[in-house]
Amino acid sequence: MKQWVCTVKTLLLVIMAALLLGGCASGPDLRVGIAPSYPPLAFMQNGRLVGVEPDLAAQLGKQLNRGIRYEIMPFDRLIPGLQAGQIDLIMAGMSVTPERQALVSFSSPYMKIGQMLLIREKDVTRFPAELHNKQSGVRIGVERGTTGEQFALRSFTWSSLTHFDTTEAAVRALEQGSIDCFVHDAPTVWRFSADPATLRPGLLGLFEPLTDEPLAWAVRKQDTALLAQLNAELEQMQKSGYLQDLLAKWMRTRVRVGLPGNLEASR
């Protein structure tokens, strides 16, 4: 009898432990849509997905006690993929725009960037004045599908715009003289003109933002509970200092804007 009681107690303990362990899991893996073509926010390095967004996703999974499953997609397929239920959220350095807000719900921003100008160093006396001179004939390069392209189409209707499929193609065209300047966001301009690890000699970034763009994560309109969770976890990352430290790790260049002609970048 005593042995039977001990056996029952053991079984009960096993069942309770299983229930407790099951209660620790807060849900299935989060399917994260990402486009790894945007250093330092998301890119491939030695066959691994790295950058600001993958690090944020890993921290998010840790705080939510959920696994993270990446779904790599072209950037322009992320919102359709989200709407079709192929992914649960987008973490891909996506700017918040009115057009996108009509399709998805955005979390609180984790970073603010702006469009900037990348030029040849020898042309520093020409810009930014020539960018706004309708008679200058300036040739502007943009990357297809970006907010930089949208900004240029709205703001420089009189200029000659050249559309490129990739950032690298546009930068090569700038170096070769096929275009006079390249409009892209702050991380890209920093990367090619100020980050010692990736800068291209002879190119110069004008570090005065032409726009103000928040970056955020996106979920389906109906996923209000998930959106609330994301905002709460993001707030926790900010309060703990994790977010600030992470951005400092990947955005190694700090830019101080002074008087015209006195722009200064520091590590």
C-alpha atoms as a PDB file:
ATOM      1  CA  MET A   1       0.000   0.000   0.000  1.00  0.00           C
ATOM      2  CA  LYS A   2       2.777   2.386   0.973  1.00  0.00           C
ATOM      3  CA  GLN A   3       4.575   1.665  -2.289  1.00  0.00           C
ATOM      4  CA  TRP A   4       1.372   2.333  -4.249  1.00  0.00           C
ATOM      5  CA  VAL A   5       0.929   5.714  -2.535  1.00  0.00           C
ATOM      6  CA  CYS A   6       4.531   6.652  -3.386  1.00  0.00           C
ATOM      7  CA  THR A   7       3.962   5.697  -7.016  1.00  0.00           C
ATOM      8  CA  VAL A   8       0.811   7.833  -7.221  1.00  0.00           C
ATOM      9  CA  LYS A   9       2.650  10.784  -5.668  1.00  0.00           C
ATOM     10  CA  THR A  10       5.466  10.396  -8.188  1.00  0.00           C
ATOM     11  CA  LEU A  11       3.003  10.339 -11.086  1.00  0.00           C
ATOM     12  CA  LEU A  12       1.258  13.426  -9.770  1.00  0.00           C
ATOM     13  CA  LEU A  13       4.566  15.270  -9.505  1.00  0.00           C
ATOM     14  CA  VAL A  14       5.446  14.314 -13.069  1.00  0.00           C
ATOM     15  CA  ILE A  15       2.052  15.532 -14.325  1.00  0.00           C
ATOM     16  CA  MET A  16       2.346  18.814 -12.398  1.00  0.00           C
ATOM     17  CA  ALA A  17       5.862  19.395 -13.749  1.00  0.00           C
ATOM     18  CA  ALA A  18       4.648  18.787 -17.297  1.00  0.00           C
ATOM     19  CA  LEU A  19       1.791  21.231 -16.805  1.00  0.00           C
ATOM     20  CA  LEU A  20       4.116  23.864 -15.380  1.00  0.00           C
ATOM     21  CA  LEU A  21       6.573  23.459 -18.215  1.00  0.00           C
ATOM     22  CA  GLY A  22       3.763  23.677 -20.733  1.00  0.00           C
ATOM     23  CA  GLY A  23       2.556  26.867 -19.070  1.00  0.00           C
ATOM     24  CA  CYS A  24       5.951  28.486 -19.592  1.00  0.00           C
ATOM     25  CA  ALA A  25       5.591  28.384 -23.364  1.00  0.00           C
ATOM     26  CA  SER A  26       3.658  31.469 -24.471  1.00  0.00           C
ATOM     27  CA  GLY A  27       2.906  30.379 -28.003  1.00  0.00           C
ATOM     28  CA  PRO A  28       4.242  28.884 -31.241  1.00  0.00           C
ATOM     29  CA  ASP A  29       7.256  30.247 -33.057  1.00  0.00           C
ATOM     30  CA  LEU A  30       6.915  33.783 -34.374  1.00  0.00           C
ATOM     31  CA  ARG A  31       7.292  33.818 -38.142  1.00  0.00           C
ATOM     32  CA  VAL A  32       9.350  36.910 -38.891  1.00  0.00           C
ATOM     33  CA  GLY A  33       9.471  38.285 -42.424  1.00  0.00           C
ATOM     34  CA  ILE A  34      12.842  39.811 -43.263  1.00  0.00           C
ATOM     35  CA  ALA A  35      14.678  41.042 -46.369  1.00  0.00           C
ATOM     36  CA  PRO A  36      18.421  40.691 -45.688  1.00  0.00           C
ATOM     37  CA  SER A  37      19.603  43.316 -48.178  1.00  0.00           C
ATOM     38  CA  TYR A  38      19.843  46.367 -45.942  1.00  0.00           C
ATOM     39  CA  PRO A  39      23.089  46.620 -43.920  1.00  0.00           C
ATOM     40  CA  PRO A  40      23.402  47.236 -41.057  1.00  0.00           C
ATOM     41  CA  LEU A  41      19.717  46.594 -40.334  1.00  0.00           C
ATOM     42  CA  ALA A  42      19.498  43.137 -41.925  1.00  0.00           C
ATOM     43  CA  PHE A  43      22.014  41.375 -44.157  1.00  0.00           C
ATOM     44  CA  MET A  44      23.866  38.116 -44.744  1.00  0.00           C
ATOM     45  CA  GLN A  45      27.407  37.697 -43.425  1.00  0.00           C
ATOM     46  CA  ASN A  46      29.330  34.452 -43.898  1.00  0.00           C
ATOM     47  CA  GLY A  47      26.063  32.672 -44.555  1.00  0.00           C
ATOM     48  CA  ARG A  48      24.400  34.034 -41.397  1.00  0.00           C
ATOM     49  CA  LEU A  49      21.552  36.477 -41.016  1.00  0.00           C
ATOM     50  CA  VAL A  50      22.889  39.424 -38.992  1.00  0.00           C
ATOM     51  CA  GLY A  51      22.171  43.063 -38.184  1.00  0.00           C
ATOM     52  CA  VAL A  52      19.946  45.239 -36.034  1.00  0.00           C
ATOM     53  CA  GLU A  53      16.702  43.440 -36.891  1.00  0.00           C
ATOM     54  CA  PRO A  54      17.942  39.848 -36.312  1.00  0.00           C
ATOM     55  CA  ASP A  55      19.374  40.912 -32.939  1.00  0.00           C
ATOM     56  CA  LEU A  56      16.101  42.605 -32.031  1.00  0.00           C
ATOM     57  CA  ALA A  57      14.170  39.505 -33.120  1.00  0.00           C
ATOM     58  CA  ALA A  58      16.351  37.273 -30.940  1.00  0.00           C
ATOM     59  CA  GLN A  59      15.816  39.552 -27.949  1.00  0.00           C
ATOM     60  CA  LEU A  60      12.083  39.715 -28.635  1.00  0.00           C
ATOM     61  CA  GLY A  61      11.870  35.931 -28.704  1.00  0.00           C
ATOM     62  CA  LYS A  62      13.765  35.742 -25.419  1.00  0.00           C
ATOM     63  CA  GLN A  63      11.476  38.255 -23.712  1.00  0.00           C
ATOM     64  CA  LEU A  64       8.313  36.584 -25.042  1.00  0.00           C
ATOM     65  CA  ASN A  65       9.689  33.085 -24.451  1.00  0.00           C
ATOM     66  CA  ARG A  66       8.885  32.199 -28.050  1.00  0.00           C
ATOM     67  CA  GLY A  67      10.979  30.802 -30.861  1.00  0.00           C
ATOM     68  CA  ILE A  68      11.785  32.920 -33.911  1.00  0.00           C
ATOM     69  CA  ARG A  69      11.453  31.494 -37.414  1.00  0.00           C
ATOM     70  CA  TYR A  70      12.727  33.707 -40.200  1.00  0.00           C
ATOM     71  CA  GLU A  71      11.034  33.843 -43.584  1.00  0.00           C
ATOM     72  CA  ILE A  72      13.370  35.534 -46.072  1.00  0.00           C
ATOM     73  CA  MET A  73      11.506  37.465 -48.768  1.00  0.00           C
ATOM     74  CA  PRO A  74      12.131  40.297 -51.225  1.00  0.00           C
ATOM     75  CA  PHE A  75      11.282  43.579 -49.521  1.00  0.00           C
ATOM     76  CA  ASP A  76       8.335  44.300 -51.811  1.00  0.00           C
ATOM     77  CA  ARG A  77       6.784  40.906 -50.921  1.00  0.00           C
ATOM     78  CA  LEU A  78       6.808  41.427 -47.156  1.00  0.00           C
ATOM     79  CA  ILE A  79       3.475  43.231 -46.811  1.00  0.00           C
ATOM     80  CA  PRO A  80       1.640  40.892 -49.238  1.00  0.00           C
ATOM     81  CA  GLY A  81       3.177  37.939 -47.361  1.00  0.00           C
ATOM     82  CA  LEU A  82       1.974  39.340 -44.052  1.00  0.00           C
ATOM     83  CA  GLN A  83      -1.533  39.909 -45.366  1.00  0.00           C
ATOM     84  CA  ALA A  84      -1.630  36.395 -46.810  1.00  0.00           C
ATOM     85  CA  GLY A  85      -0.736  34.879 -43.426  1.00  0.00           C
ATOM     86  CA  GLN A  86       2.693  33.575 -44.496  1.00  0.00           C
ATOM     87  CA  ILE A  87       4.379  35.517 -41.665  1.00  0.00           C
ATOM     88  CA  ASP A  88       3.301  36.988 -38.320  1.00  0.00           C
ATOM     89  CA  LEU A  89       5.283  40.219 -38.390  1.00  0.00           C
ATOM     90  CA  ILE A  90       7.754  42.200 -40.476  1.00  0.00           C
ATOM     91  CA  MET A  91      11.135  43.133 -39.006  1.00  0.00           C
ATOM     92  CA  ALA A  92      13.054  44.545 -41.966  1.00  0.00           C
ATOM     93  CA  GLY A  93      13.969  48.186 -41.385  1.00  0.00           C
ATOM     94  CA  MET A  94      10.608  49.273 -42.773  1.00  0.00           C
ATOM     95  CA  SER A  95       9.793  52.987 -42.773  1.00  0.00           C
ATOM     96  CA  VAL A  96       6.359  54.052 -41.584  1.00  0.00           C
ATOM     97  CA  THR A  97       4.512  55.733 -44.457  1.00  0.00           C
ATOM     98  CA  PRO A  98       0.819  56.646 -44.913  1.00  0.00           C
ATOM     99  CA  GLU A  99       0.571  54.166 -47.801  1.00  0.00           C
ATOM    100  CA  ARG A 100       1.865  51.310 -45.646  1.00  0.00           C
ATOM    101  CA  GLN A 101      -0.227  52.367 -42.649  1.00  0.00           C
ATOM    102  CA  ALA A 102      -3.321  51.825 -44.775  1.00  0.00           C
ATOM    103  CA  LEU A 103      -2.296  48.167 -45.206  1.00  0.00           C
ATOM    104  CA  VAL A 104      -0.692  47.152 -41.879  1.00  0.00           C
ATOM    105  CA  SER A 105      -0.380  48.266 -38.256  1.00  0.00           C
ATOM    106  CA  PHE A 106       3.003  49.504 -37.064  1.00  0.00           C
ATOM    107  CA  SER A 107       4.582  49.152 -33.656  1.00  0.00           C
ATOM    108  CA  SER A 108       6.151  52.088 -31.858  1.00  0.00           C
ATOM    109  CA  PRO A 109       9.281  53.200 -33.767  1.00  0.00           C
ATOM    110  CA  TYR A 110      12.595  51.790 -32.573  1.00  0.00           C
ATOM    111  CA  MET A 111      14.689  54.232 -34.598  1.00  0.00           C
ATOM    112  CA  LYS A 112      14.356  57.368 -36.720  1.00  0.00           C
ATOM    113  CA  ILE A 113      16.248  57.923 -39.941  1.00  0.00           C
ATOM    114  CA  GLY A 114      16.024  60.287 -42.887  1.00  0.00           C
ATOM    115  CA  GLN A 115      16.939  60.428 -46.524  1.00  0.00           C
ATOM    116  CA  MET A 116      20.419  61.845 -47.107  1.00  0.00           C
ATOM    117  CA  LEU A 117      22.664  62.656 -50.029  1.00  0.00           C
ATOM    118  CA  LEU A 118      25.715  60.655 -51.115  1.00  0.00           C
ATOM    119  CA  ILE A 119      28.009  62.530 -53.501  1.00  0.00           C
ATOM    120  CA  ARG A 120      31.547  62.440 -54.868  1.00  0.00           C
ATOM    121  CA  GLU A 121      33.926  64.266 -52.552  1.00  0.00           C
ATOM    122  CA  LYS A 122      35.177  66.457 -55.407  1.00  0.00           C
ATOM    123  CA  ASP A 123      31.615  67.770 -55.906  1.00  0.00           C
ATOM    124  CA  VAL A 124      31.215  69.099 -52.375  1.00  0.00           C
ATOM    125  CA  THR A 125      30.986  72.707 -53.595  1.00  0.00           C
ATOM    126  CA  ARG A 126      28.040  71.794 -55.824  1.00  0.00           C
ATOM    127  CA  PHE A 127      25.774  70.244 -53.211  1.00  0.00           C
ATOM    128  CA  PRO A 128      23.276  70.521 -51.697  1.00  0.00           C
ATOM    129  CA  ALA A 129      22.559  73.753 -53.608  1.00  0.00           C
ATOM    130  CA  GLU A 130      22.430  72.086 -57.030  1.00  0.00           C
ATOM    131  CA  LEU A 131      19.991  69.492 -55.749  1.00  0.00           C
ATOM    132  CA  HIS A 132      17.357  72.229 -55.477  1.00  0.00           C
ATOM    133  CA  ASN A 133      18.390  74.212 -58.561  1.00  0.00           C
ATOM    134  CA  LYS A 134      15.950  73.362 -61.337  1.00  0.00           C
ATOM    135  CA  GLN A 135      18.398  74.613 -63.963  1.00  0.00           C
ATOM    136  CA  SER A 136      21.365  72.561 -62.768  1.00  0.00           C
ATOM    137  CA  GLY A 137      20.570  69.407 -64.739  1.00  0.00           C
ATOM    138  CA  VAL A 138      21.694  67.323 -61.757  1.00  0.00           C
ATOM    139  CA  ARG A 139      21.390  63.563 -62.297  1.00  0.00           C
ATOM    140  CA  ILE A 140      19.887  61.881 -59.225  1.00  0.00           C
ATOM    141  CA  GLY A 141      20.128  58.182 -58.491  1.00  0.00           C
ATOM    142  CA  VAL A 142      17.536  56.283 -56.429  1.00  0.00           C
ATOM    143  CA  GLU A 143      16.894  52.657 -55.531  1.00  0.00           C
ATOM    144  CA  ARG A 144      13.630  51.165 -56.742  1.00  0.00           C
ATOM    145  CA  GLY A 145      10.944  50.539 -54.138  1.00  0.00           C
ATOM    146  CA  THR A 146      12.508  52.709 -51.425  1.00  0.00           C
ATOM    147  CA  THR A 147      11.244  55.778 -49.611  1.00  0.00           C
ATOM    148  CA  GLY A 148      14.206  57.589 -51.159  1.00  0.00           C
ATOM    149  CA  GLU A 149      12.708  56.938 -54.579  1.00  0.00           C
ATOM    150  CA  GLN A 150       9.299  58.177 -53.411  1.00  0.00           C
ATOM    151  CA  PHE A 151      10.866  61.321 -51.938  1.00  0.00           C
ATOM    152  CA  ALA A 152      12.801  62.106 -55.116  1.00  0.00           C
ATOM    153  CA  LEU A 153       9.754  61.524 -57.326  1.00  0.00           C
ATOM    154  CA  ARG A 154       7.755  63.977 -55.198  1.00  0.00           C
ATOM    155  CA  SER A 155      10.451  66.589 -54.647  1.00  0.00           C
ATOM    156  CA  PHE A 156      12.503  66.649 -57.846  1.00  0.00           C
ATOM    157  CA  THR A 157       9.989  66.226 -60.645  1.00  0.00           C
ATOM    158  CA  TRP A 158      12.132  68.435 -62.881  1.00  0.00           C
ATOM    159  CA  SER A 159      15.332  66.434 -62.474  1.00  0.00           C
ATOM    160  CA  SER A 160      16.781  63.437 -64.291  1.00  0.00           C
ATOM    161  CA  LEU A 161      16.149  60.378 -62.120  1.00  0.00           C
ATOM    162  CA  THR A 162      17.914  57.057 -62.650  1.00  0.00           C
ATOM    163  CA  HIS A 163      16.361  54.041 -60.930  1.00  0.00           C
ATOM    164  CA  PHE A 164      18.603  51.188 -59.756  1.00  0.00           C
ATOM    165  CA  ASP A 165      17.701  47.699 -58.597  1.00  0.00           C
ATOM    166  CA  THR A 166      20.301  47.670 -55.799  1.00  0.00           C
ATOM    167  CA  THR A 167      22.185  50.100 -53.603  1.00  0.00           C
ATOM    168  CA  GLU A 168      25.511  48.711 -54.828  1.00  0.00           C
ATOM    169  CA  ALA A 169      24.615  49.411 -58.466  1.00  0.00           C
ATOM    170  CA  ALA A 170      23.753  53.019 -57.631  1.00  0.00           C
ATOM    171  CA  VAL A 171      26.978  53.552 -55.683  1.00  0.00           C
ATOM    172  CA  ARG A 172      29.032  52.167 -58.586  1.00  0.00           C
ATOM    173  CA  ALA A 173      27.240  54.532 -60.974  1.00  0.00           C
ATOM    174  CA  LEU A 174      28.070  57.439 -58.674  1.00  0.00           C
ATOM    175  CA  GLU A 175      31.736  56.438 -58.558  1.00  0.00           C
ATOM    176  CA  GLN A 176      31.843  56.075 -62.348  1.00  0.00           C
ATOM    177  CA  GLY A 177      30.155  59.445 -62.954  1.00  0.00           C
ATOM    178  CA  SER A 178      26.894  58.171 -64.453  1.00  0.00           C
ATOM    179  CA  ILE A 179      24.925  60.076 -61.796  1.00  0.00           C
ATOM    180  CA  ASP A 180      25.795  63.138 -59.712  1.00  0.00           C
ATOM    181  CA  CYS A 181      24.267  62.112 -56.371  1.00  0.00           C
ATOM    182  CA  PHE A 182      22.449  59.237 -54.735  1.00  0.00           C
ATOM    183  CA  VAL A 183      19.450  59.716 -52.450  1.00  0.00           C
ATOM    184  CA  HIS A 184      19.118  57.022 -49.798  1.00  0.00           C
ATOM    185  CA  ASP A 185      18.551  56.707 -46.067  1.00  0.00           C
ATOM    186  CA  ALA A 186      20.969  57.499 -43.271  1.00  0.00           C
ATOM    187  CA  PRO A 187      22.310  53.958 -42.588  1.00  0.00           C
ATOM    188  CA  THR A 188      23.277  53.530 -46.247  1.00  0.00           C
ATOM    189  CA  VAL A 189      24.959  56.927 -46.523  1.00  0.00           C
ATOM    190  CA  TRP A 190      26.841  56.343 -43.253  1.00  0.00           C
ATOM    191  CA  ARG A 191      27.931  52.913 -44.446  1.00  0.00           C
ATOM    192  CA  PHE A 192      29.492  54.100 -47.710  1.00  0.00           C
ATOM    193  CA  SER A 193      30.974  57.387 -46.536  1.00  0.00           C
ATOM    194  CA  ALA A 194      31.761  57.243 -42.811  1.00  0.00           C
ATOM    195  CA  ASP A 195      31.974  53.687 -41.449  1.00  0.00           C
ATOM    196  CA  PRO A 196      35.669  52.668 -41.639  1.00  0.00           C
ATOM    197  CA  ALA A 197      34.681  49.048 -42.303  1.00  0.00           C
ATOM    198  CA  THR A 198      32.682  49.760 -45.471  1.00  0.00           C
ATOM    199  CA  LEU A 199      33.400  53.297 -46.691  1.00  0.00           C
ATOM    200  CA  ARG A 200      34.163  53.925 -50.357  1.00  0.00           C
ATOM    201  CA  PRO A 201      37.095  56.333 -50.898  1.00  0.00           C
ATOM    202  CA  GLY A 202      36.121  59.432 -52.810  1.00  0.00           C
ATOM    203  CA  LEU A 203      32.505  59.457 -51.652  1.00  0.00           C
ATOM    204  CA  LEU A 204      31.068  61.924 -49.179  1.00  0.00           C
ATOM    205  CA  GLY A 205      27.821  61.883 -47.233  1.00  0.00           C
ATOM    206  CA  LEU A 206      25.889  65.068 -46.523  1.00  0.00           C
ATOM    207  CA  PHE A 207      24.580  64.239 -43.071  1.00  0.00           C
ATOM    208  CA  GLU A 208      21.657  66.644 -42.941  1.00  0.00           C
ATOM    209  CA  PRO A 209      18.433  64.614 -43.264  1.00  0.00           C
ATOM    210  CA  LEU A 210      16.134  65.569 -46.107  1.00  0.00           C
ATOM    211  CA  THR A 211      13.229  63.717 -44.454  1.00  0.00           C
ATOM    212  CA  ASP A 212      12.224  62.354 -41.054  1.00  0.00           C
ATOM    213  CA  GLU A 213      11.291  58.659 -41.166  1.00  0.00           C
ATOM    214  CA  PRO A 214      10.530  56.332 -38.237  1.00  0.00           C
ATOM    215  CA  LEU A 215      11.370  52.632 -38.562  1.00  0.00           C
ATOM    216  CA  ALA A 216       9.007  50.111 -36.964  1.00  0.00           C
ATOM    217  CA  TRP A 217       7.714  46.539 -37.082  1.00  0.00           C
ATOM    218  CA  ALA A 218       4.497  45.672 -38.896  1.00  0.00           C
ATOM    219  CA  VAL A 219       1.647  43.271 -38.125  1.00  0.00           C
ATOM    220  CA  ARG A 220      -1.753  42.564 -39.661  1.00  0.00           C
ATOM    221  CA  LYS A 221      -4.480  45.071 -38.832  1.00  0.00           C
ATOM    222  CA  GLN A 222      -6.449  42.512 -36.845  1.00  0.00           C
ATOM    223  CA  ASP A 223      -3.495  41.358 -34.709  1.00  0.00           C
ATOM    224  CA  THR A 224      -4.061  43.925 -31.966  1.00  0.00           C
ATOM    225  CA  ALA A 225      -2.931  41.613 -29.153  1.00  0.00           C
ATOM    226  CA  LEU A 226       0.389  40.918 -30.850  1.00  0.00           C
ATOM    227  CA  LEU A 227       0.868  44.628 -31.525  1.00  0.00           C
ATOM    228  CA  ALA A 228       0.337  45.421 -27.836  1.00  0.00           C
ATOM    229  CA  GLN A 229       2.886  42.739 -26.924  1.00  0.00           C
ATOM    230  CA  LEU A 230       5.456  44.140 -29.337  1.00  0.00           C
ATOM    231  CA  ASN A 231       5.059  47.648 -27.970  1.00  0.00           C
ATOM    232  CA  ALA A 232       5.398  46.433 -24.379  1.00  0.00           C
ATOM    233  CA  GLU A 233       8.540  44.421 -25.155  1.00  0.00           C
ATOM    234  CA  LEU A 234      10.058  47.275 -27.151  1.00  0.00           C
ATOM    235  CA  GLU A 235       9.456  49.619 -24.226  1.00  0.00           C
ATOM    236  CA  GLN A 236      11.247  47.114 -21.993  1.00  0.00           C
ATOM    237  CA  MET A 237      14.227  47.055 -24.386  1.00  0.00           C
ATOM    238  CA  GLN A 238      14.399  50.840 -24.217  1.00  0.00           C
ATOM    239  CA  LYS A 239      14.122  51.019 -20.430  1.00  0.00           C
ATOM    240  CA  SER A 240      16.817  48.380 -19.930  1.00  0.00           C
ATOM    241  CA  GLY A 241      19.205  50.141 -22.313  1.00  0.00           C
ATOM    242  CA  TYR A 242      19.341  47.102 -24.614  1.00  0.00           C
ATOM    243  CA  LEU A 243      18.023  49.018 -27.635  1.00  0.00           C
ATOM    244  CA  GLN A 244      20.476  51.893 -27.249  1.00  0.00           C
ATOM    245  CA  ASP A 245      23.430  49.524 -26.845  1.00  0.00           C
ATOM    246  CA  LEU A 246      22.351  47.487 -29.867  1.00  0.00           C
ATOM    247  CA  LEU A 247      22.067  50.543 -32.126  1.00  0.00           C
ATOM    248  CA  ALA A 248      25.483  51.739 -30.920  1.00  0.00           C
ATOM    249  CA  LYS A 249      26.918  48.318 -31.838  1.00  0.00           C
ATOM    250  CA  TRP A 250      25.655  48.361 -35.424  1.00  0.00           C
ATOM    251  CA  MET A 251      25.518  52.112 -36.134  1.00  0.00           C
ATOM    252  CA  ARG A 252      29.118  52.794 -35.262  1.00  0.00           C
ATOM    253  CA  THR A 253      29.260  56.240 -36.810  1.00  0.00           C
ATOM    254  CA  ARG A 254      27.968  59.197 -34.868  1.00  0.00           C
ATOM    255  CA  VAL A 255      27.236  62.273 -36.948  1.00  0.00           C
ATOM    256  CA  ARG A 256      27.323  65.850 -35.735  1.00  0.00           C
ATOM    257  CA  VAL A 257      25.972  68.471 -38.091  1.00  0.00           C
ATOM    258  CA  GLY A 258      27.557  71.901 -37.833  1.00  0.00           C
ATOM    259  CA  LEU A 259      27.525  74.949 -40.071  1.00  0.00           C
ATOM    260  CA  PRO A 260      27.556  74.370 -43.849  1.00  0.00           C
ATOM    261  CA  GLY A 261      31.019  73.306 -44.889  1.00  0.00           C
ATOM    262  CA  ASN A 262      31.793  72.131 -41.383  1.00  0.00           C
ATOM    263  CA  LEU A 263      30.177  68.697 -41.278  1.00  0.00           C
ATOM    264  CA  GLU A 264      31.941  66.320 -38.963  1.00  0.00           C
ATOM    265  CA  ALA A 265      31.616  62.595 -38.425  1.00  0.00           C
ATOM    266  CA  SER A 266      33.040  60.854 -35.390  1.00  0.00           C
ATOM    267  CA  ARG A 267      33.255  57.285 -34.132  1.00  0.00           C
END
